[in-house]
C-alpha atoms as a PDB file:
ATOM      1  CA  MET A   1       0.122   0.030   0.050  1.00  0.00           C
ATOM      2  CA  THR A   2       1.306   3.387  -1.055  1.00  0.00           C
ATOM      3  CA  LEU A   3       0.752   6.403   1.176  1.00  0.00           C
ATOM      4  CA  THR A   4       0.481   9.795  -0.504  1.00  0.00           C
ATOM      5  CA  THR A   5       0.831  12.960   1.036  1.00  0.00           C
ATOM      6  CA  THR A   6      -1.877  15.615  -0.286  1.00  0.00           C
ATOM      7  CA  THR A   7      -0.623  19.285   0.077  1.00  0.00           C
ATOM      8  CA  LYS A   8      -2.790  22.206  -0.389  1.00  0.00           C
ATOM      9  CA  PRO A   9      -1.410  25.740  -1.288  1.00  0.00           C
ATOM     10  CA  THR A  10      -2.515  28.618   0.732  1.00  0.00           C
ATOM     11  CA  PRO A  11      -4.830  31.117  -1.084  1.00  0.00           C
ATOM     12  CA  PHE A  12      -2.619  33.972   0.246  1.00  0.00           C
ATOM     13  CA  ILE A  13       0.865  34.846   0.028  1.00  0.00           C
ATOM     14  CA  ILE A  14       2.924  35.679   3.172  1.00  0.00           C
ATOM     15  CA  LEU A  15       5.425  38.490   2.659  1.00  0.00           C
ATOM     16  CA  ILE A  16       8.508  38.210   4.750  1.00  0.00           C
ATOM     17  CA  ASP A  17      10.539  41.492   5.333  1.00  0.00           C
ATOM     18  CA  SER A  18      14.069  41.237   3.403  1.00  0.00           C
ATOM     19  CA  ALA A  19      15.800  42.271   6.796  1.00  0.00           C
ATOM     20  CA  GLU A  20      14.686  39.176   8.569  1.00  0.00           C
ATOM     21  CA  THR A  21      17.768  37.190   9.282  1.00  0.00           C
ATOM     22  CA  PHE A  22      16.155  34.050  10.700  1.00  0.00           C
ATOM     23  CA  PRO A  23      12.838  33.953   8.839  1.00  0.00           C
ATOM     24  CA  PHE A  24       9.953  31.455   9.741  1.00  0.00           C
ATOM     25  CA  THR A  25       9.608  28.832   7.085  1.00  0.00           C
ATOM     26  CA  PHE A  26       5.919  27.763   7.803  1.00  0.00           C
ATOM     27  CA  ALA A  27       6.685  24.325   7.219  1.00  0.00           C
ATOM     28  CA  GLY A  28       4.746  21.311   8.527  1.00  0.00           C
ATOM     29  CA  LEU A  29       1.545  23.269   8.893  1.00  0.00           C
ATOM     30  CA  LYS A  30      -1.847  21.697   8.248  1.00  0.00           C
ATOM     31  CA  SER A  31      -5.293  22.737   7.329  1.00  0.00           C
ATOM     32  CA  ASP A  32      -8.034  22.604  10.113  1.00  0.00           C
ATOM     33  CA  ALA A  33     -10.024  19.175  10.222  1.00  0.00           C
ATOM     34  CA  ASP A  34     -13.158  20.731   8.174  1.00  0.00           C
ATOM     35  CA  LYS A  35     -10.700  21.479   5.376  1.00  0.00           C
ATOM     36  CA  GLY A  36      -9.277  17.817   5.300  1.00  0.00           C
ATOM     37  CA  SER A  37      -6.295  18.252   7.728  1.00  0.00           C
ATOM     38  CA  VAL A  38      -4.128  18.287   4.643  1.00  0.00           C
ATOM     39  CA  GLU A  39      -0.543  19.779   4.734  1.00  0.00           C
ATOM     40  CA  LEU A  40      -0.346  23.263   3.693  1.00  0.00           C
ATOM     41  CA  LEU A  41       2.148  24.480   1.192  1.00  0.00           C
ATOM     42  CA  VAL A  42       2.613  28.077   2.446  1.00  0.00           C
ATOM     43  CA  LYS A  43       3.389  30.498  -0.299  1.00  0.00           C
ATOM     44  CA  SER A  44       5.647  33.178   0.675  1.00  0.00           C
ATOM     45  CA  ARG A  45       7.760  35.802  -0.842  1.00  0.00           C
ATOM     46  CA  VAL A  46      10.586  38.305   0.497  1.00  0.00           C
ATOM     47  CA  ALA A  47       9.625  41.781   0.227  1.00  0.00           C
ATOM     48  CA  ASN A  48      10.767  45.178   1.693  1.00  0.00           C
ATOM     49  CA  LEU A  49       8.102  46.045   4.470  1.00  0.00           C
ATOM     50  CA  GLY A  50       9.543  49.348   5.348  1.00  0.00           C
ATOM     51  CA  ARG A  51      12.638  50.799   6.896  1.00  0.00           C
ATOM     52  CA  HIS A  52      12.969  53.082  10.006  1.00  0.00           C
ATOM     53  CA  PRO A  53      11.232  55.281  10.429  1.00  0.00           C
ATOM     54  CA  ASN A  54       8.626  53.699   8.196  1.00  0.00           C
ATOM     55  CA  SER A  55       9.130  50.067   9.302  1.00  0.00           C
ATOM     56  CA  PHE A  56       5.857  47.977   9.453  1.00  0.00           C
ATOM     57  CA  GLY A  57       7.104  44.541  11.054  1.00  0.00           C
ATOM     58  CA  ASP A  58       8.562  41.389   9.682  1.00  0.00           C
ATOM     59  CA  TYR A  59       5.413  39.596   8.063  1.00  0.00           C
ATOM     60  CA  SER A  60       2.358  40.618   6.381  1.00  0.00           C
ATOM     61  CA  LEU A  61       0.032  39.291   3.646  1.00  0.00           C
ATOM     62  CA  ASP A  62       0.473  40.214  -0.161  1.00  0.00           C
ATOM     63  CA  GLY A  63      -2.297  42.865  -0.885  1.00  0.00           C
ATOM     64  CA  TYR A  64      -2.748  43.663   2.743  1.00  0.00           C
ATOM     65  CA  GLN A  65       0.484  45.166   3.673  1.00  0.00           C
ATOM     66  CA  ALA A  66      -1.411  48.563   4.608  1.00  0.00           C
ATOM     67  CA  VAL A  67      -3.616  46.793   7.192  1.00  0.00           C
ATOM     68  CA  ILE A  68      -1.886  43.801   8.833  1.00  0.00           C
ATOM     69  CA  ALA A  69       1.588  43.135  10.101  1.00  0.00           C
ATOM     70  CA  VAL A  70       3.484  40.783  12.634  1.00  0.00           C
ATOM     71  CA  GLU A  71       6.692  41.909  14.291  1.00  0.00           C
ATOM     72  CA  ARG A  72       8.955  39.026  15.339  1.00  0.00           C
ATOM     73  CA  LYS A  73      10.981  39.132  18.318  1.00  0.00           C
ATOM     74  CA  SER A  74      13.563  36.525  19.735  1.00  0.00           C
ATOM     75  CA  ILE A  75      14.083  36.604  23.604  1.00  0.00           C
ATOM     76  CA  PRO A  76      17.838  38.137  23.080  1.00  0.00           C
ATOM     77  CA  ASP A  77      16.542  40.669  20.626  1.00  0.00           C
ATOM     78  CA  LEU A  78      13.566  41.737  22.938  1.00  0.00           C
ATOM     79  CA  GLN A  79      16.085  42.073  25.713  1.00  0.00           C
ATOM     80  CA  SER A  80      18.462  44.072  24.020  1.00  0.00           C
ATOM     81  CA  THR A  81      15.827  46.425  22.488  1.00  0.00           C
ATOM     82  CA  LEU A  82      13.942  47.304  25.579  1.00  0.00           C
ATOM     83  CA  LEU A  83      17.057  47.598  27.773  1.00  0.00           C
ATOM     84  CA  GLY A  84      18.894  49.799  25.419  1.00  0.00           C
ATOM     85  CA  PHE A  85      21.934  47.446  24.971  1.00  0.00           C
ATOM     86  CA  ALA A  86      22.338  48.864  21.467  1.00  0.00           C
ATOM     87  CA  GLU A  87      21.997  52.629  21.195  1.00  0.00           C
ATOM     88  CA  GLY A  88      18.669  53.780  19.517  1.00  0.00           C
ATOM     89  CA  ASN A  89      17.130  50.391  19.209  1.00  0.00           C
ATOM     90  CA  ARG A  90      14.305  51.305  21.931  1.00  0.00           C
ATOM     91  CA  ALA A  91      13.443  54.314  20.107  1.00  0.00           C
ATOM     92  CA  ARG A  92      13.361  52.738  16.635  1.00  0.00           C
ATOM     93  CA  PHE A  93      11.109  49.967  18.099  1.00  0.00           C
ATOM     94  CA  GLU A  94       8.832  52.433  19.406  1.00  0.00           C
ATOM     95  CA  CYS A  95       8.544  54.135  16.139  1.00  0.00           C
ATOM     96  CA  GLU A  96       7.643  51.021  14.691  1.00  0.00           C
ATOM     97  CA  LEU A  97       4.937  50.234  17.320  1.00  0.00           C
ATOM     98  CA  THR A  98       3.584  53.783  16.568  1.00  0.00           C
ATOM     99  CA  ASN A  99       3.350  52.536  12.808  1.00  0.00           C
ATOM    100  CA  LEU A 100       1.882  49.220  13.623  1.00  0.00           C
ATOM    101  CA  ALA A 101      -0.643  50.867  15.783  1.00  0.00           C
ATOM    102  CA  THR A 102      -2.150  52.523  12.697  1.00  0.00           C
ATOM    103  CA  LEU A 103      -2.951  49.245  11.059  1.00  0.00           C
ATOM    104  CA  THR A 104      -6.142  47.226  11.257  1.00  0.00           C
ATOM    105  CA  ALA A 105      -4.518  44.300  12.879  1.00  0.00           C
ATOM    106  CA  SER A 106      -0.791  43.949  14.287  1.00  0.00           C
ATOM    107  CA  LEU A 107       0.854  41.692  16.423  1.00  0.00           C
ATOM    108  CA  VAL A 108       4.282  41.566  18.359  1.00  0.00           C
ATOM    109  CA  VAL A 109       5.297  37.677  18.593  1.00  0.00           C
ATOM    110  CA  VAL A 110       7.936  36.794  21.044  1.00  0.00           C
ATOM    111  CA  GLU A 111       9.781  33.288  20.613  1.00  0.00           C
ATOM    112  CA  GLY A 112       9.646  32.569  24.156  1.00  0.00           C
ATOM    113  CA  SER A 113       7.676  33.290  27.533  1.00  0.00           C
ATOM    114  CA  LEU A 114       7.513  36.225  29.569  1.00  0.00           C
ATOM    115  CA  GLU A 115       9.156  34.319  32.279  1.00  0.00           C
ATOM    116  CA  GLN A 116      11.990  33.299  30.078  1.00  0.00           C
ATOM    117  CA  ALA A 117      12.670  36.902  29.044  1.00  0.00           C
ATOM    118  CA  ILE A 118      12.862  37.953  32.625  1.00  0.00           C
ATOM    119  CA  ALA A 119      14.751  34.931  33.903  1.00  0.00           C
ATOM    120  CA  ASP A 120      17.577  35.063  31.139  1.00  0.00           C
ATOM    121  CA  ILE A 121      18.690  38.699  31.990  1.00  0.00           C
ATOM    122  CA  GLN A 122      22.331  39.044  33.279  1.00  0.00           C
ATOM    123  CA  PRO A 123      23.503  42.017  35.082  1.00  0.00           C
ATOM    124  CA  ARG A 124      25.007  44.711  32.645  1.00  0.00           C
ATOM    125  CA  GLY A 125      27.085  47.936  33.466  1.00  0.00           C
ATOM    126  CA  THR A 126      25.942  49.468  36.520  1.00  0.00           C
ATOM    127  CA  LYS A 127      22.394  47.682  36.441  1.00  0.00           C
ATOM    128  CA  THR A 128      21.822  44.577  38.669  1.00  0.00           C
ATOM    129  CA  LYS A 129      19.790  41.714  37.341  1.00  0.00           C
ATOM    130  CA  HIS A 130      16.906  42.862  39.664  1.00  0.00           C
ATOM    131  CA  GLN A 131      17.011  46.274  38.126  1.00  0.00           C
ATOM    132  CA  LEU A 132      17.117  45.066  34.523  1.00  0.00           C
ATOM    133  CA  THR A 133      14.108  42.521  35.209  1.00  0.00           C
ATOM    134  CA  LYS A 134      12.097  45.304  36.603  1.00  0.00           C
ATOM    135  CA  ILE A 135      12.741  47.610  33.678  1.00  0.00           C
ATOM    136  CA  LEU A 136      11.977  44.679  31.184  1.00  0.00           C
ATOM    137  CA  PHE A 137       8.910  43.891  32.714  1.00  0.00           C
ATOM    138  CA  ARG A 138       7.510  47.293  33.244  1.00  0.00           C
ATOM    139  CA  SER A 139       8.534  48.466  29.767  1.00  0.00           C
ATOM    140  CA  ILE A 140       6.524  45.475  28.183  1.00  0.00           C
ATOM    141  CA  LEU A 141       3.533  46.635  30.130  1.00  0.00           C
ATOM    142  CA  ALA A 142       4.025  50.289  29.159  1.00  0.00           C
ATOM    143  CA  LEU A 143       4.446  49.488  25.404  1.00  0.00           C
ATOM    144  CA  GLN A 144       1.421  47.189  25.306  1.00  0.00           C
ATOM    145  CA  GLN A 145      -0.689  50.099  27.015  1.00  0.00           C
ATOM    146  CA  ASP A 146       0.720  53.057  25.183  1.00  0.00           C
ATOM    147  CA  PHE A 147       0.593  51.828  21.651  1.00  0.00           C
ATOM    148  CA  LYS A 148      -2.457  49.383  21.653  1.00  0.00           C
ATOM    149  CA  VAL A 149      -0.458  46.652  19.751  1.00  0.00           C
ATOM    150  CA  GLN A 150      -1.190  43.109  20.731  1.00  0.00           C
ATOM    151  CA  TRP A 151       1.632  40.880  22.077  1.00  0.00           C
ATOM    152  CA  CYS A 152       1.873  37.017  22.015  1.00  0.00           C
ATOM    153  CA  PHE A 153       4.452  35.524  24.254  1.00  0.00           C
ATOM    154  CA  ALA A 154       4.480  32.230  22.539  1.00  0.00           C
ATOM    155  CA  GLY A 155       6.750  30.133  24.671  1.00  0.00           C
ATOM    156  CA  SER A 156       8.942  28.777  21.749  1.00  0.00           C
ATOM    157  CA  ARG A 157      10.092  29.695  18.242  1.00  0.00           C
ATOM    158  CA  ARG A 158       7.818  26.941  16.618  1.00  0.00           C
ATOM    159  CA  LEU A 159       4.788  28.319  18.672  1.00  0.00           C
ATOM    160  CA  ALA A 160       5.756  31.805  17.570  1.00  0.00           C
ATOM    161  CA  GLU A 161       5.740  30.634  13.814  1.00  0.00           C
ATOM    162  CA  LEU A 162       2.415  29.103  14.375  1.00  0.00           C
ATOM    163  CA  SER A 163       1.079  31.990  16.018  1.00  0.00           C
ATOM    164  CA  CYS A 164       2.193  34.364  13.175  1.00  0.00           C
ATOM    165  CA  PHE A 165       0.789  32.011  10.581  1.00  0.00           C
ATOM    166  CA  ARG A 166      -2.828  31.611  12.244  1.00  0.00           C
ATOM    167  CA  PHE A 167      -2.846  35.368  13.008  1.00  0.00           C
ATOM    168  CA  LEU A 168      -2.589  36.091   9.275  1.00  0.00           C
ATOM    169  CA  GLU A 169      -4.495  33.394   8.007  1.00  0.00           C
ATOM    170  CA  ARG A 170      -7.426  34.454  10.290  1.00  0.00           C
ATOM    171  CA  PHE A 171      -7.263  37.812   9.034  1.00  0.00           C
ATOM    172  CA  TYR A 172      -7.289  36.783   5.503  1.00  0.00           C
ATOM    173  CA  GLU A 173     -10.295  34.290   5.943  1.00  0.00           C
ATOM    174  CA  LYS A 174     -12.090  37.081   7.763  1.00  0.00           C
ATOM    175  CA  ARG A 175     -11.546  39.682   5.021  1.00  0.00           C
ATOM    176  CA  GLU A 176     -12.463  37.040   2.046  1.00  0.00           C
ATOM    177  CA  ALA A 177     -15.727  36.203   3.955  1.00  0.00           C
ATOM    178  CA  GLU A 178     -16.491  39.866   4.373  1.00  0.00           C
ATOM    179  CA  LYS A 179     -15.990  40.443   0.573  1.00  0.00           C
ATOM    180  CA  ARG A 180     -18.246  37.378  -0.107  1.00  0.00           C
ATOM    181  CA  LYS A 181     -20.917  38.757   2.157  1.00  0.00           C
ATOM    182  CA  ALA A 182     -20.784  42.301   0.591  1.00  0.00           C
ATOM    183  CA  ALA A 183     -21.143  40.475  -3.043  1.00  0.00           C
ATOM    184  CA  ARG A 184     -24.015  38.559  -2.031  1.00  0.00           C
ATOM    185  CA  GLU A 185     -25.767  41.753  -0.485  1.00  0.00           C
ATOM    186  CA  GLU A 186     -24.969  43.624  -3.676  1.00  0.00           C
ATOM    187  CA  ARG A 187     -26.558  40.879  -5.808  1.00  0.00           C
ATOM    188  CA  ALA A 188     -29.656  40.852  -3.759  1.00  0.00           C
ATOM    189  CA  ARG A 189     -29.721  44.536  -3.881  1.00  0.00           C
ATOM    190  CA  GLU A 190     -29.402  44.592  -7.723  1.00  0.00           C
ATOM    191  CA  SER A 191     -31.989  41.596  -7.858  1.00  0.00           C
ATOM    192  CA  SER A 192     -34.419  43.834  -5.590  1.00  0.00           C
ATOM    193  CA  LEU A 193     -34.167  46.908  -7.893  1.00  0.00           C
ATOM    194  CA  LEU A 194     -34.593  44.595 -11.007  1.00  0.00           C
ATOM    195  CA  VAL A 195     -37.933  43.387  -9.483  1.00  0.00           C
ATOM    196  CA  GLU A 196     -38.970  46.822  -8.573  1.00  0.00           C
ATOM    197  CA  SER A 197     -38.450  47.971 -12.096  1.00  0.00           C
ATOM    198  CA  LEU A 198     -40.718  45.150 -13.675  1.00  0.00           C
END
């Protein structure tokens, strides 16, 4: 008996920012059970999603760049950015959050848990581990509150990849459903006008 693997291409293309140094591959994902639980062939393309001060995250959907984006952060990158280990990184990130907040849907996905981000901090310069932990924790809360962009501490890189994909997929499916509904309503309206004119 020969087993065959059925793959189904996604109806959308994920855009991956050209500056992403370790991009998600979106391999090994499956469709939902009601869609056959088949392996998905995720279509993606490298694109420039903007550079400071006009940066809009690391992932988006082709045709929807102006409305949805996902910013990916590893734990070391998150720590370095928020604790100011590299000069100007925090200001650039806050500028990016300002941009992301203008979109219909945006997400910061972190490749680890909040507990990992805090536990992995080491003393640096004149700051103790306790001081840096406090700064990081409160910075995350402040950024979430000030910029109104959703954050997902995924726990691992793989779960971050899944979160990014499902976030983009749901947005696409919802938008397509809205388009179909609008088209049905338009057809019903036109049909009603036709009947009235008889």
